[in-house]
Amino acid sequence: MIDILMLEDPEVVMTGYDRPNLFLAVQFPKNKYAALKAFIEEHPDQCGIVYCLTRKQVEENCALLEMDGFSVTRYHAGLTDQERRDNQDDFIYDRKQIMVATNAFGMGIDKSNVRFVVHYNMPKNLESYYQEVGRCARDGEPGECLLLYSGQDVITNQMFIENNRDNQELDELTRRIVMERDQERLKKMTYYCFTKECLRDYILRYFGEYGSNYCGNCSNCKTQFDTVDMTAEARILAMCVKESHQRYGINVILDTVHGANNAKIRQYGMGASPAYGVLSKTPSWKLRQIFNQLLAEGYLKTTPDSYMIVKLTEKSEALIAGQETFTMKMAKEPEKEAKTTAKKKVKKTAGLVLNKEQEESFEILRALRAEIAREEKVPPYIVFSDKTLVQMCIEKPTNKNAMLKVSGVGEFKFEKYGERFLEVIRSWT
């Protein structure tokens, strides 16, 4: 950019990728909508974005959330320009708390009080994922980023990559190179979902930075793991790939070792494989977890096409020969809570737990902020951030000097809004 713009001795600022205030989490729910609803219920009265891969999912989830009583709107390329503008304004101006959207939403959005970002589906690469979660908690206060994974997400993203209209104008060789690059990025995104290492460290390493391997603020770092020897299961999976002459995809291999009796197993004659049914007592979800870890660690690989044929590597040959062991981190079973203990939901505001009086004070100041925002036709966070309002509720400034000590209040904002907020705060004392 310096060369293109012919800048002379510009100031160059380098910043890192780390956003330590964001809590990163991955879940594998059987019912995605139930998981989404439960998560939002744990964040009452907070602004958030829910990203979906398709317009249909945006429409369905928006409708369901609205039926369940949430303040929600939607955004995708299938809406009219006017509706997109109106819905975006409703979210920015706090008339709606939750935005359900495709990745068409977000460029240029600098709404500082977005407290959570949920990915209803896994994005196609880590670049997209990190850009989208980057819209969370821009005020520097704590924010939560949840990714809800399912195997169908990989298939949908693979389809998008193969049918990418943006690449249609490229020559065949360049298009193939771009497609293979995108497929490799999809693999790295998938491995992120299955890694048992620190999620933040995984992202930083992907972007060429190195952390401490433990951030203490992601679902993996918060989970206790046992290191389990899975050499026997891993060897059987690798042997099944070898015995089938490396001709089939992941599902055929998994169905074979699990002893399935479906059309593909019968068509390919995999019932005669020595590996058929050997791991029938191992749960399907666990087999897939082992298989994904084998892919992530380079014991197996898949071809860069829609069929994703499984191939062996040097490491898998060593595994089959008994020269390699394979261990995995497995989450410990959580201790069951006593039946008499009720799980309390803690309401947080700007990442802080307020007492009842402070929470009521915050709502009063938020209403005043909304009134001023309507008068000036600006988003509420432009007046004062949630963080600033929370500090006012805690410190209760009653004069200019005290108000100027509140984070986010300078001379300019005090002159515009300070006295109106002081008048309310003085009425409490």
Protein backbone atom coordinates (compact mmCIF):
# COMPACT_ATOMS: atom_id res chain seq x y z
CA MET A 1 0.00 0.00 0.00
CA ILE A 2 2.92 2.34 0.73
CA ASP A 3 4.30 1.73 -2.77
CA ILE A 4 0.94 2.00 -4.53
CA LEU A 5 0.06 5.28 -2.82
CA MET A 6 3.67 6.52 -3.11
CA LEU A 7 3.67 7.59 0.53
CA GLU A 8 6.74 9.37 1.81
CA ASP A 9 8.01 8.23 5.22
CA PRO A 10 4.56 7.19 6.59
CA GLU A 11 3.96 6.14 10.18
CA VAL A 12 3.59 2.35 10.23
CA VAL A 13 1.72 0.77 13.14
CA MET A 14 1.76 -3.01 13.64
CA THR A 15 -0.83 -4.61 15.91
CA GLY A 16 -1.43 -8.24 16.84
CA TYR A 17 -4.38 -10.50 16.14
CA ASP A 18 -5.14 -11.31 19.75
CA ARG A 19 -8.44 -10.15 21.26
CA PRO A 20 -8.00 -11.33 24.87
CA ASN A 21 -11.40 -9.96 25.96
CA LEU A 22 -13.24 -12.45 23.71
CA PHE A 23 -14.20 -15.84 25.14
CA LEU A 24 -14.00 -18.43 22.33
CA ALA A 25 -16.09 -21.60 22.40
CA VAL A 26 -17.11 -24.48 20.12
CA GLN A 27 -20.10 -26.76 20.74
CA PHE A 28 -21.46 -29.83 18.92
CA PRO A 29 -25.19 -29.71 19.78
CA LYS A 30 -27.69 -32.28 18.54
CA ASN A 31 -30.29 -29.51 18.34
CA LYS A 32 -28.67 -26.27 17.16
CA TYR A 33 -31.67 -24.03 17.70
CA ALA A 34 -32.12 -25.28 21.27
CA ALA A 35 -28.45 -24.50 21.93
CA LEU A 36 -28.81 -21.04 20.36
CA LYS A 37 -31.91 -20.24 22.39
CA ALA A 38 -30.28 -21.41 25.64
CA PHE A 39 -27.21 -19.27 24.95
CA ILE A 40 -29.25 -16.12 24.25
CA GLU A 41 -31.35 -16.72 27.38
CA GLU A 42 -28.11 -16.65 29.36
CA HIS A 43 -27.40 -13.18 27.91
CA PRO A 44 -30.61 -11.23 28.66
CA ASP A 45 -30.90 -7.66 27.38
CA GLN A 46 -27.60 -7.93 25.49
CA CYS A 47 -26.87 -7.09 21.86
CA GLY A 48 -25.57 -9.89 19.67
CA ILE A 49 -25.12 -11.18 16.12
CA VAL A 50 -26.06 -14.68 14.92
CA TYR A 51 -24.36 -15.67 11.67
CA CYS A 52 -25.89 -18.35 9.44
CA LEU A 53 -24.54 -19.86 6.20
CA THR A 54 -27.76 -19.57 4.17
CA ARG A 55 -30.63 -17.15 3.73
CA LYS A 56 -33.08 -19.92 4.59
CA GLN A 57 -31.44 -20.46 7.98
CA VAL A 58 -31.52 -16.71 8.63
CA GLU A 59 -35.27 -16.60 7.94
CA GLU A 60 -36.00 -19.72 10.02
CA ASN A 61 -33.93 -18.72 13.05
CA CYS A 62 -35.16 -15.13 13.02
CA ALA A 63 -38.78 -16.33 12.94
CA LEU A 64 -38.19 -18.85 15.76
CA LEU A 65 -36.41 -16.32 17.97
CA GLU A 66 -39.21 -13.81 17.37
CA MET A 67 -41.81 -16.43 18.32
CA ASP A 68 -39.85 -17.12 21.51
CA GLY A 69 -40.07 -13.45 22.48
CA PHE A 70 -36.63 -12.13 21.58
CA SER A 71 -35.97 -8.69 20.10
CA VAL A 72 -34.59 -9.74 16.72
CA THR A 73 -34.23 -8.70 13.09
CA ARG A 74 -32.53 -10.17 10.00
CA TYR A 75 -30.14 -9.30 7.16
CA HIS A 76 -29.23 -11.10 3.94
CA ALA A 77 -28.78 -10.35 0.24
CA GLY A 78 -32.29 -11.56 -0.62
CA LEU A 79 -33.96 -8.61 1.12
CA THR A 80 -34.66 -5.32 -0.62
CA ASP A 81 -32.14 -2.52 -0.17
CA GLN A 82 -34.64 -0.57 1.92
CA GLU A 83 -35.40 -3.51 4.22
CA ARG A 84 -31.70 -4.19 4.74
CA ARG A 85 -31.12 -0.53 5.63
CA ASP A 86 -34.10 -0.45 8.00
CA ASN A 87 -33.09 -3.69 9.74
CA GLN A 88 -29.48 -2.59 10.07
CA ASP A 89 -30.59 0.74 11.57
CA ASP A 90 -32.90 -1.08 14.01
CA PHE A 91 -29.90 -3.04 15.26
CA ILE A 92 -27.44 -0.15 15.34
CA TYR A 93 -29.89 2.17 17.12
CA ASP A 94 -30.79 -0.53 19.70
CA ARG A 95 -34.38 -0.86 18.53
CA LYS A 96 -33.61 -4.57 18.01
CA GLN A 97 -31.10 -6.39 20.17
CA ILE A 98 -30.23 -9.39 18.00
CA MET A 99 -29.24 -9.48 14.33
CA VAL A 100 -29.55 -12.82 12.50
CA ALA A 101 -27.59 -12.57 9.26
CA THR A 102 -25.47 -14.13 6.57
CA ASN A 103 -21.92 -12.91 6.10
CA ALA A 104 -23.38 -10.12 3.93
CA PHE A 105 -23.81 -8.24 7.24
CA GLY A 106 -21.02 -6.59 9.14
CA MET A 107 -18.68 -4.60 6.91
CA GLY A 108 -18.34 -1.14 8.42
CA ILE A 109 -20.35 -2.06 11.52
CA ASP A 110 -18.66 -0.49 14.54
CA LYS A 111 -21.30 -1.06 17.20
CA SER A 112 -19.30 -1.16 20.41
CA ASN A 113 -21.84 -2.90 22.66
CA VAL A 114 -22.20 -6.19 20.76
CA ARG A 115 -21.72 -8.60 23.65
CA PHE A 116 -21.86 -11.90 21.74
CA VAL A 117 -21.43 -13.38 18.28
CA VAL A 118 -22.86 -16.83 17.56
CA HIS A 119 -21.94 -18.78 14.44
CA TYR A 120 -24.90 -21.06 13.80
CA ASN A 121 -22.70 -22.78 11.20
CA MET A 122 -18.97 -23.15 10.76
CA PRO A 123 -17.62 -20.51 8.31
CA LYS A 124 -15.51 -21.57 5.32
CA ASN A 125 -12.20 -20.31 6.72
CA LEU A 126 -10.56 -18.79 9.77
CA GLU A 127 -10.15 -15.44 8.02
CA SER A 128 -13.95 -15.07 7.76
CA TYR A 129 -14.52 -16.42 11.26
CA TYR A 130 -12.06 -14.07 12.96
CA GLN A 131 -13.31 -11.06 11.03
CA GLU A 132 -16.90 -11.82 12.10
CA VAL A 133 -16.13 -12.45 15.79
CA GLY A 134 -14.10 -9.23 15.65
CA ARG A 135 -17.40 -7.34 15.68
CA CYS A 136 -17.91 -8.48 19.27
CA ALA A 137 -17.09 -6.33 22.32
CA ARG A 138 -15.27 -3.53 20.53
CA ASP A 139 -15.50 -1.49 23.71
CA GLY A 140 -12.81 -3.73 25.20
CA GLU A 141 -15.17 -5.29 27.73
CA PRO A 142 -15.73 -9.09 27.86
CA GLY A 143 -17.59 -10.69 24.93
CA GLU A 144 -18.51 -14.27 24.02
CA CYS A 145 -18.06 -16.00 20.67
CA LEU A 146 -19.78 -19.36 20.19
CA LEU A 147 -19.49 -21.64 17.16
CA LEU A 148 -22.13 -24.38 16.76
CA TYR A 149 -20.60 -27.12 14.60
CA SER A 150 -22.20 -29.94 12.61
CA GLY A 151 -20.83 -32.17 9.84
CA GLN A 152 -23.32 -30.67 7.38
CA ASP A 153 -21.47 -27.35 7.67
CA VAL A 154 -18.43 -28.88 5.93
CA ILE A 155 -20.60 -30.19 3.07
CA THR A 156 -22.37 -26.83 2.62
CA ASN A 157 -19.09 -24.91 2.58
CA GLN A 158 -17.59 -27.42 0.14
CA MET A 159 -20.54 -26.78 -2.17
CA PHE A 160 -20.04 -23.01 -1.90
CA ILE A 161 -16.35 -23.40 -2.78
CA GLU A 162 -17.07 -25.53 -5.85
CA ASN A 163 -19.83 -23.24 -7.11
CA ASN A 164 -18.14 -19.93 -6.30
CA ARG A 165 -19.35 -17.54 -8.98
CA ASP A 166 -16.57 -15.08 -8.13
CA ASN A 167 -14.11 -17.53 -9.69
CA GLN A 168 -15.99 -18.16 -12.94
CA GLU A 169 -14.04 -15.49 -14.86
CA LEU A 170 -10.69 -17.10 -14.02
CA ASP A 171 -8.92 -19.47 -16.40
CA GLU A 172 -9.20 -23.16 -15.51
CA LEU A 173 -5.73 -23.51 -13.99
CA THR A 174 -6.08 -20.41 -11.78
CA ARG A 175 -9.60 -21.43 -10.77
CA ARG A 176 -8.31 -24.85 -9.70
CA ILE A 177 -5.51 -23.28 -7.67
CA VAL A 178 -7.95 -20.94 -5.91
CA MET A 179 -10.35 -23.81 -5.22
CA GLU A 180 -7.61 -25.98 -3.72
CA ARG A 181 -6.49 -23.05 -1.55
CA ASP A 182 -10.07 -22.54 -0.32
CA GLN A 183 -10.44 -26.26 0.40
CA GLU A 184 -7.24 -26.24 2.43
CA ARG A 185 -8.54 -23.26 4.41
CA LEU A 186 -11.79 -25.15 5.03
CA LYS A 187 -9.78 -28.04 6.48
CA LYS A 188 -7.94 -25.67 8.85
CA MET A 189 -11.29 -24.21 9.93
CA THR A 190 -12.63 -27.73 10.57
CA TYR A 191 -9.53 -28.64 12.60
CA TYR A 192 -10.16 -25.56 14.75
CA CYS A 193 -13.51 -27.00 15.73
CA PHE A 194 -11.97 -30.33 16.78
CA THR A 195 -8.71 -29.28 18.39
CA LYS A 196 -8.39 -29.87 22.13
CA GLU A 197 -5.61 -27.31 22.38
CA CYS A 198 -6.16 -23.65 23.26
CA LEU A 199 -8.53 -22.15 20.65
CA ARG A 200 -6.94 -18.71 20.85
CA ASP A 201 -3.47 -20.16 20.36
CA TYR A 202 -4.71 -22.15 17.33
CA ILE A 203 -5.97 -18.93 15.68
CA LEU A 204 -2.84 -16.94 16.53
CA ARG A 205 -0.58 -19.67 15.11
CA TYR A 206 -2.68 -19.74 11.94
CA PHE A 207 -2.01 -16.01 11.49
CA GLY A 208 1.71 -16.37 12.26
CA GLU A 209 1.73 -15.35 15.93
CA TYR A 210 2.53 -17.48 18.95
CA GLY A 211 0.80 -17.44 22.29
CA SER A 212 1.30 -19.34 25.52
CA ASN A 213 -0.73 -22.47 24.56
CA TYR A 214 -3.07 -21.56 27.43
CA CYS A 215 -5.20 -18.41 27.36
CA GLY A 216 -7.61 -19.29 30.19
CA ASN A 217 -10.44 -17.68 28.20
CA CYS A 218 -11.67 -20.32 25.76
CA SER A 219 -13.82 -23.43 26.11
CA ASN A 220 -10.82 -25.75 25.75
CA CYS A 221 -8.76 -24.00 28.41
CA LYS A 222 -11.80 -24.08 30.72
CA THR A 223 -12.35 -27.81 30.13
CA GLN A 224 -10.45 -30.54 31.94
CA PHE A 225 -9.05 -33.24 29.67
CA ASP A 226 -7.59 -36.69 30.10
CA THR A 227 -4.92 -37.93 27.68
CA VAL A 228 -6.21 -41.24 26.35
CA ASP A 229 -4.35 -43.84 24.27
CA MET A 230 -6.35 -44.37 21.06
CA THR A 231 -3.65 -46.26 19.14
CA ALA A 232 -5.75 -49.40 18.64
CA GLU A 233 -8.76 -47.53 17.23
CA ALA A 234 -6.58 -45.26 15.09
CA ARG A 235 -4.69 -48.23 13.65
CA ILE A 236 -7.92 -49.99 12.66
CA LEU A 237 -9.16 -46.85 10.88
CA ALA A 238 -5.88 -46.50 9.00
CA MET A 239 -5.86 -50.20 8.10
CA CYS A 240 -9.42 -49.91 6.76
CA VAL A 241 -8.28 -47.09 4.46
CA LYS A 242 -5.35 -49.21 3.26
CA GLU A 243 -7.38 -52.39 2.73
CA SER A 244 -9.95 -50.46 0.67
CA HIS A 245 -7.09 -49.28 -1.59
CA GLN A 246 -7.66 -45.63 -0.58
CA ARG A 247 -10.78 -45.37 -2.76
CA TYR A 248 -13.49 -44.12 -0.39
CA GLY A 249 -14.53 -41.15 1.68
CA ILE A 250 -14.74 -40.62 5.43
CA ASN A 251 -18.31 -41.87 5.91
CA VAL A 252 -17.67 -45.17 4.13
CA ILE A 253 -14.62 -45.85 6.32
CA LEU A 254 -16.48 -44.96 9.52
CA ASP A 255 -19.54 -47.01 8.54
CA THR A 256 -17.30 -49.99 7.75
CA VAL A 257 -15.47 -50.14 11.08
CA HIS A 258 -18.76 -49.50 12.91
CA GLY A 259 -20.47 -52.39 11.11
CA ALA A 260 -23.19 -50.45 9.29
CA ASN A 261 -25.42 -52.25 6.79
CA ASN A 262 -26.39 -49.50 4.37
CA ALA A 263 -26.57 -49.24 0.59
CA LYS A 264 -23.03 -47.93 0.10
CA ILE A 265 -21.45 -50.59 2.31
CA ARG A 266 -23.26 -53.30 0.31
CA GLN A 267 -22.50 -51.63 -3.05
CA TYR A 268 -18.77 -51.36 -2.34
CA GLY A 269 -18.56 -54.81 -0.74
CA MET A 270 -17.08 -53.36 2.44
CA GLY A 271 -18.87 -56.01 4.52
CA ALA A 272 -16.03 -58.34 3.49
CA SER A 273 -13.34 -55.99 4.82
CA PRO A 274 -11.28 -57.38 7.75
CA ALA A 275 -12.05 -54.09 9.55
CA TYR A 276 -15.83 -54.47 9.17
CA GLY A 277 -17.57 -54.11 12.53
CA VAL A 278 -14.32 -54.24 14.55
CA LEU A 279 -15.20 -50.97 16.31
CA SER A 280 -18.96 -51.57 16.52
CA LYS A 281 -18.98 -50.93 20.26
CA THR A 282 -17.29 -47.53 19.91
CA PRO A 283 -19.89 -44.71 19.64
CA SER A 284 -20.13 -43.11 16.18
CA TRP A 285 -19.41 -39.62 17.56
CA LYS A 286 -16.21 -40.89 19.16
CA LEU A 287 -15.07 -42.60 15.94
CA ARG A 288 -15.57 -39.37 14.03
CA GLN A 289 -13.66 -37.48 16.72
CA ILE A 290 -10.73 -39.90 16.39
CA PHE A 291 -10.87 -39.66 12.59
CA ASN A 292 -10.85 -35.85 12.63
CA GLN A 293 -7.86 -35.87 14.97
CA LEU A 294 -6.02 -38.26 12.61
CA LEU A 295 -6.66 -35.77 9.79
CA ALA A 296 -5.61 -32.79 11.92
CA GLU A 297 -2.33 -34.44 12.94
CA GLY A 298 -1.44 -35.64 9.44
CA TYR A 299 -1.97 -39.37 9.97
CA LEU A 300 -4.53 -39.27 7.16
CA LYS A 301 -5.40 -36.78 4.45
CA THR A 302 -8.26 -36.19 2.01
CA THR A 303 -8.20 -35.28 -1.66
CA PRO A 304 -9.04 -31.64 -2.55
CA ASP A 305 -12.37 -32.29 -4.24
CA SER A 306 -16.02 -32.77 -3.33
CA TYR A 307 -15.61 -36.53 -2.79
CA MET A 308 -12.80 -36.03 -0.22
CA ILE A 309 -11.27 -39.48 -0.71
CA VAL A 310 -9.20 -40.58 2.30
CA LYS A 311 -5.51 -41.22 1.65
CA LEU A 312 -2.64 -42.57 3.75
CA THR A 313 0.48 -40.63 4.72
CA GLU A 314 3.95 -41.61 5.98
CA LYS A 315 2.68 -41.22 9.54
CA SER A 316 -0.27 -43.57 8.97
CA GLU A 317 2.02 -46.22 7.46
CA ALA A 318 4.15 -46.01 10.62
CA LEU A 319 0.98 -46.26 12.72
CA ILE A 320 -0.12 -49.41 10.88
CA ALA A 321 3.36 -50.92 11.28
CA GLY A 322 3.19 -50.40 15.04
CA GLN A 323 5.93 -47.76 15.02
CA GLU A 324 3.64 -44.91 16.14
CA THR A 325 1.30 -44.43 19.08
CA PHE A 326 -1.72 -42.15 18.96
CA THR A 327 -3.12 -40.28 21.96
CA MET A 328 -5.98 -37.82 22.24
CA LYS A 329 -7.25 -35.37 24.77
CA MET A 330 -10.76 -36.37 25.84
CA ALA A 331 -12.97 -34.13 27.95
CA LYS A 332 -13.56 -35.42 31.46
CA GLU A 333 -17.13 -36.19 32.39
CA PRO A 334 -18.52 -33.17 34.27
CA GLU A 335 -19.50 -33.81 37.85
CA LYS A 336 -23.25 -34.04 38.27
CA GLU A 337 -24.75 -31.25 40.33
CA ALA A 338 -26.73 -32.20 43.40
CA LYS A 339 -30.45 -32.29 42.69
CA THR A 340 -31.07 -29.76 45.44
CA THR A 341 -28.72 -27.24 43.85
CA ALA A 342 -30.44 -24.93 41.39
CA LYS A 343 -28.29 -23.49 38.63
CA LYS A 344 -28.43 -19.72 38.91
CA LYS A 345 -28.34 -17.48 35.87
CA VAL A 346 -26.12 -14.48 36.46
CA LYS A 347 -26.97 -11.36 34.53
CA LYS A 348 -23.99 -9.39 33.34
CA THR A 349 -23.87 -5.84 32.03
CA ALA A 350 -20.81 -4.81 29.97
CA GLY A 351 -19.16 -7.94 31.34
CA LEU A 352 -19.76 -6.99 35.00
CA VAL A 353 -22.18 -8.43 37.53
CA LEU A 354 -24.21 -5.59 39.05
CA ASN A 355 -26.38 -5.73 42.15
CA LYS A 356 -30.11 -5.10 41.85
CA GLU A 357 -29.85 -1.38 42.64
CA GLN A 358 -27.04 -0.85 40.13
CA GLU A 359 -28.93 -2.80 37.48
CA GLU A 360 -31.99 -0.57 37.96
CA SER A 361 -29.77 2.53 37.78
CA PHE A 362 -28.20 1.25 34.55
CA GLU A 363 -31.64 0.84 32.93
CA ILE A 364 -32.54 4.43 33.90
CA LEU A 365 -29.32 5.79 32.36
CA ARG A 366 -29.79 3.60 29.30
CA ALA A 367 -33.26 5.06 28.79
CA LEU A 368 -31.80 8.60 29.02
CA ARG A 369 -29.08 7.65 26.55
CA ALA A 370 -31.70 6.30 24.12
CA GLU A 371 -33.71 9.53 24.44
CA ILE A 372 -30.63 11.64 23.62
CA ALA A 373 -29.70 9.33 20.73
CA ARG A 374 -33.18 9.76 19.20
CA GLU A 375 -32.91 13.55 19.53
CA GLU A 376 -29.50 13.63 17.83
CA LYS A 377 -30.25 10.80 15.37
CA VAL A 378 -27.15 8.83 16.34
CA PRO A 379 -26.68 5.28 17.68
CA PRO A 380 -26.87 5.15 21.50
CA TYR A 381 -23.29 3.93 21.91
CA ILE A 382 -22.10 7.18 20.27
CA VAL A 383 -23.50 9.09 23.28
CA PHE A 384 -21.89 6.86 25.94
CA SER A 385 -20.85 3.19 25.90
CA ASP A 386 -22.36 0.58 28.22
CA LYS A 387 -19.03 0.53 30.05
CA THR A 388 -19.34 4.26 30.79
CA LEU A 389 -22.93 3.91 32.04
CA VAL A 390 -21.94 1.01 34.30
CA GLN A 391 -19.14 3.07 35.85
CA MET A 392 -21.60 5.92 36.46
CA CYS A 393 -23.91 3.48 38.26
CA ILE A 394 -21.08 2.22 40.46
CA GLU A 395 -19.34 5.53 41.25
CA LYS A 396 -22.41 7.83 41.19
CA PRO A 397 -20.62 11.09 40.27
CA THR A 398 -22.51 14.20 41.36
CA ASN A 399 -20.31 16.97 39.93
CA LYS A 400 -18.24 17.76 36.86
CA ASN A 401 -14.87 16.77 38.34
CA ALA A 402 -16.18 13.38 39.43
CA MET A 403 -17.94 12.82 36.11
CA LEU A 404 -14.75 13.56 34.14
CA LYS A 405 -13.03 10.71 36.01
CA VAL A 406 -15.50 8.23 34.50
CA SER A 407 -13.98 6.28 31.59
CA GLY A 408 -15.41 7.56 28.31
CA VAL A 409 -16.38 11.03 29.58
CA GLY A 410 -14.21 13.88 28.26
CA GLU A 411 -14.71 17.62 28.17
CA PHE A 412 -16.53 17.47 24.82
CA LYS A 413 -19.03 14.81 25.86
CA PHE A 414 -19.53 16.38 29.26
CA GLU A 415 -20.47 19.68 27.63
CA LYS A 416 -22.98 17.90 25.38
CA TYR A 417 -24.51 15.38 27.79
CA GLY A 418 -22.93 15.62 31.22
CA GLU A 419 -25.44 17.79 33.06
CA ARG A 420 -28.41 15.68 31.95
CA PHE A 421 -26.80 12.55 33.37
CA LEU A 422 -25.66 14.34 36.55
CA GLU A 423 -29.23 15.54 37.13
CA VAL A 424 -30.48 11.93 37.08
CA ILE A 425 -27.64 10.62 39.24
CA ARG A 426 -28.16 13.39 41.85
CA SER A 427 -31.80 12.34 42.18
CA TRP A 428 -30.62 8.96 43.52
CA THR A 429 -28.75 10.43 46.48
